[in-house]
Amino acid sequence: MKRAALPLGLALLALYAIVPLGCGSSQPAQPQGPAIGVVDAQVVVESCPDQKTMNAKAAHATIQKLVEKCSTVPNGTAHFSTTLMPGGRIMLASPSGNPDDGVVPTCVLSNQLTHRVYLKQPCKFDVKLEERKVEAQAAAE
């Protein structure tokens, strides 16, 4: 019986070596999830008399906190002005600074418009938001 098993095993080995096991590519396609929005923020100090003495990290963190809830932006981009006022209030306006002109995304307005940066004079920042789509990876099953 043992002698019959050896030729059968060699025949099966030869069969698997010669005949491909699957069709198509050797790597299975990765399942893709839905596209999700990621919002990139660009912040530039426009005018700030206290720039040399203010806590720049705290000011940057304040602006980032304003836009962190934004996962979508209407029409894909937004451009507005943010002014940190002495006393902790934040004012939002159009890029030109006119509060009656321009559009600020709702995701920014849903935040408390206050900050903890010590300032003697207002500091104005130019904020640009741009939404881009990223393919989400589907969960492995």
N, C-alpha and C. Protein backbone atom coordinates (compact mmCIF):
# COMPACT_ATOMS: atom_id res chain seq x y z
N MET A 1 0.79 -1.19 0.00
CA MET A 1 0.00 0.00 0.00
C MET A 1 0.84 1.26 0.00
N LYS A 2 1.94 1.23 0.67
CA LYS A 2 2.76 2.42 0.75
C LYS A 2 3.34 2.78 -0.60
N ARG A 3 3.64 1.78 -1.43
CA ARG A 3 4.21 2.06 -2.75
C ARG A 3 3.19 2.75 -3.64
N ALA A 4 1.92 2.46 -3.53
CA ALA A 4 0.89 3.09 -4.36
C ALA A 4 0.68 4.55 -3.97
N ALA A 5 0.90 4.90 -2.74
CA ALA A 5 0.69 6.28 -2.27
C ALA A 5 1.74 7.22 -2.84
N LEU A 6 2.95 6.76 -3.02
CA LEU A 6 4.02 7.62 -3.53
C LEU A 6 3.75 8.10 -4.95
N PRO A 7 3.41 7.23 -5.93
CA PRO A 7 3.12 7.72 -7.28
C PRO A 7 1.90 8.64 -7.30
N LEU A 8 0.90 8.37 -6.46
CA LEU A 8 -0.29 9.22 -6.43
C LEU A 8 0.06 10.61 -5.90
N GLY A 9 0.88 10.67 -4.89
CA GLY A 9 1.31 11.95 -4.33
C GLY A 9 2.12 12.76 -5.33
N LEU A 10 3.02 12.08 -6.07
CA LEU A 10 3.81 12.78 -7.08
C LEU A 10 2.93 13.29 -8.21
N ALA A 11 1.92 12.52 -8.58
CA ALA A 11 1.00 12.94 -9.64
C ALA A 11 0.21 14.18 -9.21
N LEU A 12 -0.25 14.20 -7.98
CA LEU A 12 -0.98 15.37 -7.49
C LEU A 12 -0.08 16.60 -7.41
N LEU A 13 1.15 16.42 -6.96
CA LEU A 13 2.10 17.52 -6.88
C LEU A 13 2.37 18.10 -8.26
N ALA A 14 2.56 17.23 -9.25
CA ALA A 14 2.79 17.69 -10.62
C ALA A 14 1.57 18.42 -11.15
N LEU A 15 0.38 17.94 -10.82
CA LEU A 15 -0.86 18.56 -11.28
C LEU A 15 -0.99 19.98 -10.73
N TYR A 16 -0.73 20.16 -9.45
CA TYR A 16 -0.82 21.50 -8.85
C TYR A 16 0.28 22.44 -9.33
N ALA A 17 1.42 21.91 -9.70
CA ALA A 17 2.51 22.75 -10.19
C ALA A 17 2.25 23.23 -11.61
N ILE A 18 1.56 22.41 -12.41
CA ILE A 18 1.34 22.75 -13.82
C ILE A 18 0.05 23.55 -14.01
N VAL A 19 -1.03 23.17 -13.35
CA VAL A 19 -2.34 23.81 -13.54
C VAL A 19 -2.49 24.96 -12.54
N PRO A 20 -2.76 26.17 -13.01
CA PRO A 20 -2.95 27.29 -12.06
C PRO A 20 -4.22 27.07 -11.25
N LEU A 21 -4.17 27.50 -9.99
CA LEU A 21 -5.29 27.30 -9.08
C LEU A 21 -6.39 28.35 -9.27
N GLY A 22 -6.08 29.53 -9.71
CA GLY A 22 -7.09 30.58 -9.83
C GLY A 22 -6.95 31.32 -11.13
N CYS A 23 -7.94 32.10 -11.43
CA CYS A 23 -7.93 32.93 -12.63
C CYS A 23 -7.73 34.38 -12.22
N GLY A 24 -7.25 35.19 -13.12
CA GLY A 24 -7.10 36.63 -12.85
C GLY A 24 -5.81 36.93 -12.13
N SER A 25 -5.81 38.05 -11.43
CA SER A 25 -4.59 38.51 -10.78
C SER A 25 -4.27 37.66 -9.56
N SER A 26 -3.01 37.71 -9.17
CA SER A 26 -2.58 36.90 -8.04
C SER A 26 -2.97 37.55 -6.71
N GLN A 27 -3.26 38.86 -6.70
CA GLN A 27 -3.64 39.56 -5.47
C GLN A 27 -5.12 39.90 -5.52
N PRO A 28 -5.86 39.58 -4.46
CA PRO A 28 -7.28 39.94 -4.46
C PRO A 28 -7.45 41.46 -4.36
N ALA A 29 -8.52 41.97 -4.96
CA ALA A 29 -8.80 43.40 -4.93
C ALA A 29 -9.19 43.80 -3.52
N GLN A 30 -8.65 44.94 -3.06
CA GLN A 30 -8.97 45.46 -1.74
C GLN A 30 -10.36 46.09 -1.78
N PRO A 31 -11.23 45.72 -0.86
CA PRO A 31 -12.56 46.35 -0.85
C PRO A 31 -12.43 47.82 -0.46
N GLN A 32 -13.15 48.67 -1.18
CA GLN A 32 -13.11 50.11 -0.92
C GLN A 32 -14.40 50.53 -0.23
N GLY A 33 -14.28 51.43 0.72
CA GLY A 33 -15.44 51.97 1.40
C GLY A 33 -15.89 53.25 0.71
N PRO A 34 -16.83 53.93 1.28
CA PRO A 34 -17.32 55.17 0.69
C PRO A 34 -16.27 56.28 0.80
N ALA A 35 -16.35 57.25 -0.09
CA ALA A 35 -15.44 58.39 -0.02
C ALA A 35 -15.84 59.27 1.16
N ILE A 36 -14.85 59.70 1.94
CA ILE A 36 -15.11 60.58 3.07
C ILE A 36 -14.44 61.92 2.81
N GLY A 37 -14.97 62.96 3.39
CA GLY A 37 -14.40 64.29 3.22
C GLY A 37 -13.37 64.60 4.28
N VAL A 38 -12.26 65.18 3.86
CA VAL A 38 -11.23 65.66 4.77
C VAL A 38 -11.03 67.13 4.45
N VAL A 39 -11.03 67.95 5.47
CA VAL A 39 -10.90 69.39 5.25
C VAL A 39 -9.51 69.83 5.70
N ASP A 40 -8.78 70.43 4.77
CA ASP A 40 -7.46 71.00 5.07
C ASP A 40 -7.64 72.48 5.38
N ALA A 41 -6.96 72.96 6.42
CA ALA A 41 -7.05 74.37 6.81
C ALA A 41 -5.69 75.04 6.64
N GLN A 42 -5.73 76.20 6.04
CA GLN A 42 -4.53 77.03 5.92
C GLN A 42 -4.81 78.33 6.66
N VAL A 43 -3.96 78.64 7.64
CA VAL A 43 -4.16 79.83 8.47
C VAL A 43 -2.93 80.71 8.37
N VAL A 44 -3.16 82.00 8.07
CA VAL A 44 -2.07 82.96 7.95
C VAL A 44 -2.38 84.16 8.84
N VAL A 45 -1.40 84.61 9.60
CA VAL A 45 -1.58 85.81 10.41
C VAL A 45 -1.60 87.00 9.45
N GLU A 46 -2.71 87.73 9.48
CA GLU A 46 -2.83 88.88 8.59
C GLU A 46 -2.32 90.15 9.26
N SER A 47 -2.80 90.43 10.46
CA SER A 47 -2.30 91.58 11.21
C SER A 47 -2.45 91.27 12.70
N CYS A 48 -1.34 91.43 13.42
CA CYS A 48 -1.37 91.15 14.85
C CYS A 48 -0.26 91.94 15.54
N PRO A 49 -0.62 93.08 16.13
CA PRO A 49 0.39 93.87 16.84
C PRO A 49 1.05 93.10 17.99
N ASP A 50 0.35 92.15 18.58
CA ASP A 50 0.89 91.36 19.70
C ASP A 50 1.57 90.08 19.25
N GLN A 51 1.87 89.95 17.96
CA GLN A 51 2.39 88.70 17.41
C GLN A 51 3.67 88.24 18.12
N LYS A 52 4.54 89.16 18.48
CA LYS A 52 5.82 88.77 19.10
C LYS A 52 5.65 88.34 20.55
N THR A 53 4.61 88.81 21.22
CA THR A 53 4.44 88.49 22.63
C THR A 53 3.34 87.48 22.91
N MET A 54 2.45 87.23 21.94
CA MET A 54 1.36 86.28 22.19
C MET A 54 1.87 84.84 22.14
N ASN A 55 1.10 83.95 22.72
CA ASN A 55 1.40 82.53 22.69
C ASN A 55 0.94 82.00 21.32
N ALA A 56 1.87 81.85 20.39
CA ALA A 56 1.54 81.44 19.02
C ALA A 56 0.92 80.04 18.98
N LYS A 57 1.40 79.14 19.83
CA LYS A 57 0.84 77.78 19.86
C LYS A 57 -0.62 77.81 20.29
N ALA A 58 -0.94 78.62 21.28
CA ALA A 58 -2.32 78.72 21.75
C ALA A 58 -3.21 79.35 20.68
N ALA A 59 -2.70 80.35 19.98
CA ALA A 59 -3.47 80.98 18.90
C ALA A 59 -3.73 79.98 17.78
N HIS A 60 -2.71 79.22 17.39
CA HIS A 60 -2.86 78.20 16.35
C HIS A 60 -3.87 77.13 16.79
N ALA A 61 -3.78 76.69 18.03
CA ALA A 61 -4.70 75.68 18.55
C ALA A 61 -6.13 76.20 18.56
N THR A 62 -6.31 77.48 18.85
CA THR A 62 -7.64 78.08 18.85
C THR A 62 -8.26 78.04 17.46
N ILE A 63 -7.49 78.40 16.43
CA ILE A 63 -8.00 78.39 15.06
C ILE A 63 -8.27 76.94 14.62
N GLN A 64 -7.38 76.01 14.95
CA GLN A 64 -7.59 74.61 14.59
C GLN A 64 -8.85 74.05 15.25
N LYS A 65 -9.10 74.46 16.49
CA LYS A 65 -10.31 74.00 17.19
C LYS A 65 -11.56 74.54 16.50
N LEU A 66 -11.48 75.74 15.94
CA LEU A 66 -12.61 76.31 15.21
C LEU A 66 -13.01 75.45 14.01
N VAL A 67 -12.02 74.92 13.31
CA VAL A 67 -12.29 74.22 12.05
C VAL A 67 -12.26 72.70 12.18
N GLU A 68 -11.96 72.14 13.36
CA GLU A 68 -11.82 70.69 13.49
C GLU A 68 -13.11 69.93 13.27
N LYS A 69 -14.28 70.53 13.48
CA LYS A 69 -15.55 69.84 13.27
C LYS A 69 -15.94 69.80 11.79
N CYS A 70 -15.20 70.49 10.96
CA CYS A 70 -15.55 70.57 9.54
C CYS A 70 -15.09 69.32 8.79
N SER A 71 -16.05 68.51 8.36
CA SER A 71 -15.72 67.36 7.52
C SER A 71 -16.17 67.61 6.09
N THR A 72 -17.02 68.61 5.90
CA THR A 72 -17.44 69.05 4.57
C THR A 72 -17.49 70.57 4.55
N VAL A 73 -17.28 71.11 3.37
CA VAL A 73 -17.34 72.56 3.17
C VAL A 73 -18.21 72.80 1.95
N PRO A 74 -19.23 73.68 2.06
CA PRO A 74 -20.07 73.95 0.89
C PRO A 74 -19.23 74.41 -0.30
N ASN A 75 -19.48 73.82 -1.46
CA ASN A 75 -18.76 74.12 -2.71
C ASN A 75 -17.29 73.74 -2.65
N GLY A 76 -16.85 73.01 -1.61
CA GLY A 76 -15.48 72.50 -1.55
C GLY A 76 -14.44 73.44 -0.96
N THR A 77 -14.72 74.75 -0.92
CA THR A 77 -13.75 75.70 -0.35
C THR A 77 -14.47 76.78 0.45
N ALA A 78 -13.76 77.36 1.38
CA ALA A 78 -14.26 78.50 2.15
C ALA A 78 -13.08 79.39 2.47
N HIS A 79 -13.34 80.68 2.53
CA HIS A 79 -12.29 81.67 2.81
C HIS A 79 -12.92 82.75 3.69
N PHE A 80 -12.38 82.93 4.89
CA PHE A 80 -12.95 83.92 5.80
C PHE A 80 -11.87 84.46 6.72
N SER A 81 -12.25 85.47 7.48
CA SER A 81 -11.34 86.12 8.41
C SER A 81 -11.76 85.78 9.84
N THR A 82 -10.78 85.51 10.68
CA THR A 82 -11.01 85.25 12.10
C THR A 82 -10.19 86.25 12.90
N THR A 83 -10.84 86.96 13.81
CA THR A 83 -10.13 87.93 14.64
C THR A 83 -10.25 87.53 16.09
N LEU A 84 -9.10 87.31 16.73
CA LEU A 84 -9.07 87.04 18.17
C LEU A 84 -9.03 88.39 18.87
N MET A 85 -10.03 88.65 19.69
CA MET A 85 -10.17 89.93 20.37
C MET A 85 -9.60 89.84 21.79
N PRO A 86 -9.09 90.95 22.31
CA PRO A 86 -8.69 90.95 23.73
C PRO A 86 -9.91 90.62 24.59
N GLY A 87 -9.72 89.84 25.61
CA GLY A 87 -10.83 89.46 26.47
C GLY A 87 -11.42 88.10 26.13
N GLY A 88 -11.01 87.49 25.00
CA GLY A 88 -11.41 86.13 24.71
C GLY A 88 -12.50 85.93 23.68
N ARG A 89 -12.97 86.97 23.03
CA ARG A 89 -14.02 86.81 22.02
C ARG A 89 -13.39 86.58 20.64
N ILE A 90 -14.07 85.79 19.79
CA ILE A 90 -13.63 85.54 18.42
C ILE A 90 -14.67 86.13 17.48
N MET A 91 -14.21 86.94 16.52
CA MET A 91 -15.09 87.51 15.51
C MET A 91 -14.79 86.86 14.16
N LEU A 92 -15.84 86.53 13.42
CA LEU A 92 -15.70 85.94 12.09
C LEU A 92 -16.26 86.92 11.07
N ALA A 93 -15.62 86.99 9.89
CA ALA A 93 -16.07 87.90 8.84
C ALA A 93 -15.58 87.38 7.50
N SER A 94 -15.90 88.13 6.46
CA SER A 94 -15.41 87.80 5.12
C SER A 94 -13.90 88.04 5.08
N PRO A 95 -13.22 87.57 4.03
CA PRO A 95 -11.76 87.79 3.95
C PRO A 95 -11.38 89.28 4.00
N SER A 96 -12.25 90.15 3.50
CA SER A 96 -11.95 91.58 3.52
C SER A 96 -12.13 92.18 4.91
N GLY A 97 -12.78 91.43 5.81
CA GLY A 97 -12.98 91.91 7.17
C GLY A 97 -14.36 92.48 7.42
N ASN A 98 -15.18 92.63 6.39
CA ASN A 98 -16.52 93.16 6.56
C ASN A 98 -17.42 92.06 7.12
N PRO A 99 -17.95 92.20 8.35
CA PRO A 99 -18.77 91.14 8.93
C PRO A 99 -20.10 90.93 8.21
N ASP A 100 -20.54 91.89 7.39
CA ASP A 100 -21.80 91.76 6.66
C ASP A 100 -21.62 91.04 5.33
N ASP A 101 -20.39 90.76 4.94
CA ASP A 101 -20.10 90.19 3.64
C ASP A 101 -19.40 88.84 3.82
N GLY A 102 -19.63 87.90 2.91
CA GLY A 102 -18.93 86.62 2.95
C GLY A 102 -19.73 85.53 3.64
N VAL A 103 -19.23 84.30 3.53
CA VAL A 103 -19.90 83.13 4.11
C VAL A 103 -18.90 82.35 4.94
N VAL A 104 -19.30 82.04 6.16
CA VAL A 104 -18.49 81.21 7.05
C VAL A 104 -19.22 79.87 7.17
N PRO A 105 -18.51 78.74 7.00
CA PRO A 105 -19.19 77.43 7.08
C PRO A 105 -19.86 77.21 8.44
N THR A 106 -20.99 76.53 8.41
CA THR A 106 -21.76 76.25 9.63
C THR A 106 -20.94 75.47 10.65
N CYS A 107 -20.06 74.59 10.17
CA CYS A 107 -19.25 73.78 11.09
C CYS A 107 -18.37 74.67 11.98
N VAL A 108 -17.98 75.84 11.49
CA VAL A 108 -17.18 76.77 12.29
C VAL A 108 -18.09 77.47 13.30
N LEU A 109 -19.29 77.82 12.86
CA LEU A 109 -20.22 78.55 13.73
C LEU A 109 -20.75 77.70 14.87
N SER A 110 -20.63 76.37 14.78
CA SER A 110 -21.15 75.50 15.82
C SER A 110 -20.24 75.46 17.06
N ASN A 111 -19.11 76.13 17.01
CA ASN A 111 -18.17 76.18 18.14
C ASN A 111 -18.47 77.39 19.02
N GLN A 112 -17.96 77.32 20.25
CA GLN A 112 -17.99 78.51 21.10
C GLN A 112 -16.96 79.48 20.54
N LEU A 113 -17.36 80.69 20.31
CA LEU A 113 -16.46 81.67 19.71
C LEU A 113 -15.72 82.43 20.80
N THR A 114 -14.92 81.67 21.56
CA THR A 114 -14.09 82.24 22.61
C THR A 114 -12.70 81.62 22.54
N HIS A 115 -11.72 82.32 23.11
CA HIS A 115 -10.34 81.82 23.13
C HIS A 115 -9.69 82.18 24.46
N ARG A 116 -8.49 81.63 24.69
CA ARG A 116 -7.74 81.88 25.94
C ARG A 116 -6.36 82.47 25.68
N VAL A 117 -6.20 83.12 24.55
CA VAL A 117 -4.91 83.73 24.21
C VAL A 117 -4.89 85.15 24.79
N TYR A 118 -3.85 85.47 25.56
CA TYR A 118 -3.75 86.82 26.13
C TYR A 118 -3.32 87.79 25.04
N LEU A 119 -4.15 88.80 24.80
CA LEU A 119 -3.87 89.82 23.79
C LEU A 119 -4.21 91.20 24.33
N LYS A 120 -3.44 92.20 23.92
CA LYS A 120 -3.74 93.59 24.23
C LYS A 120 -4.52 94.24 23.09
N GLN A 121 -4.29 93.74 21.86
CA GLN A 121 -4.95 94.27 20.67
C GLN A 121 -5.46 93.11 19.82
N PRO A 122 -6.46 93.37 18.96
CA PRO A 122 -7.00 92.28 18.13
C PRO A 122 -5.96 91.71 17.16
N CYS A 123 -6.06 90.41 16.93
CA CYS A 123 -5.20 89.72 15.96
C CYS A 123 -6.08 89.09 14.90
N LYS A 124 -5.81 89.44 13.64
CA LYS A 124 -6.63 88.98 12.52
C LYS A 124 -5.89 87.88 11.77
N PHE A 125 -6.62 86.78 11.47
CA PHE A 125 -6.08 85.64 10.76
C PHE A 125 -6.90 85.42 9.49
N ASP A 126 -6.23 85.04 8.42
CA ASP A 126 -6.87 84.68 7.16
C ASP A 126 -6.96 83.16 7.14
N VAL A 127 -8.18 82.64 7.00
CA VAL A 127 -8.41 81.19 7.07
C VAL A 127 -8.98 80.71 5.74
N LYS A 128 -8.34 79.67 5.18
CA LYS A 128 -8.82 79.04 3.95
C LYS A 128 -9.04 77.57 4.24
N LEU A 129 -10.24 77.09 3.89
CA LEU A 129 -10.57 75.68 4.05
C LEU A 129 -10.78 75.06 2.68
N GLU A 130 -10.27 73.84 2.50
CA GLU A 130 -10.44 73.13 1.24
C GLU A 130 -10.78 71.68 1.56
N GLU A 131 -11.89 71.22 0.99
CA GLU A 131 -12.33 69.84 1.20
C GLU A 131 -11.78 68.95 0.09
N ARG A 132 -11.29 67.77 0.49
CA ARG A 132 -10.86 66.77 -0.50
C ARG A 132 -11.45 65.44 -0.08
N LYS A 133 -11.70 64.59 -1.07
CA LYS A 133 -12.29 63.28 -0.81
C LYS A 133 -11.20 62.23 -0.69
N VAL A 134 -11.36 61.32 0.26
CA VAL A 134 -10.42 60.23 0.51
C VAL A 134 -11.23 58.94 0.53
N GLU A 135 -10.72 57.90 -0.14
CA GLU A 135 -11.39 56.60 -0.13
C GLU A 135 -11.18 55.95 1.22
N ALA A 136 -12.26 55.56 1.86
CA ALA A 136 -12.18 54.87 3.14
C ALA A 136 -11.97 53.38 2.88
N GLN A 137 -11.19 52.73 3.71
CA GLN A 137 -11.00 51.30 3.59
C GLN A 137 -12.19 50.59 4.22
N ALA A 138 -12.74 49.60 3.53
CA ALA A 138 -13.86 48.83 4.06
C ALA A 138 -13.34 47.92 5.16
N ALA A 139 -14.15 47.66 6.15
CA ALA A 139 -13.75 46.80 7.25
C ALA A 139 -13.54 45.37 6.74
N ALA A 140 -12.48 44.74 7.23
CA ALA A 140 -12.19 43.35 6.84
C ALA A 140 -13.21 42.42 7.48
N GLU A 141 -13.68 41.49 6.69
CA GLU A 141 -14.70 40.56 7.21
C GLU A 141 -14.06 39.27 7.63
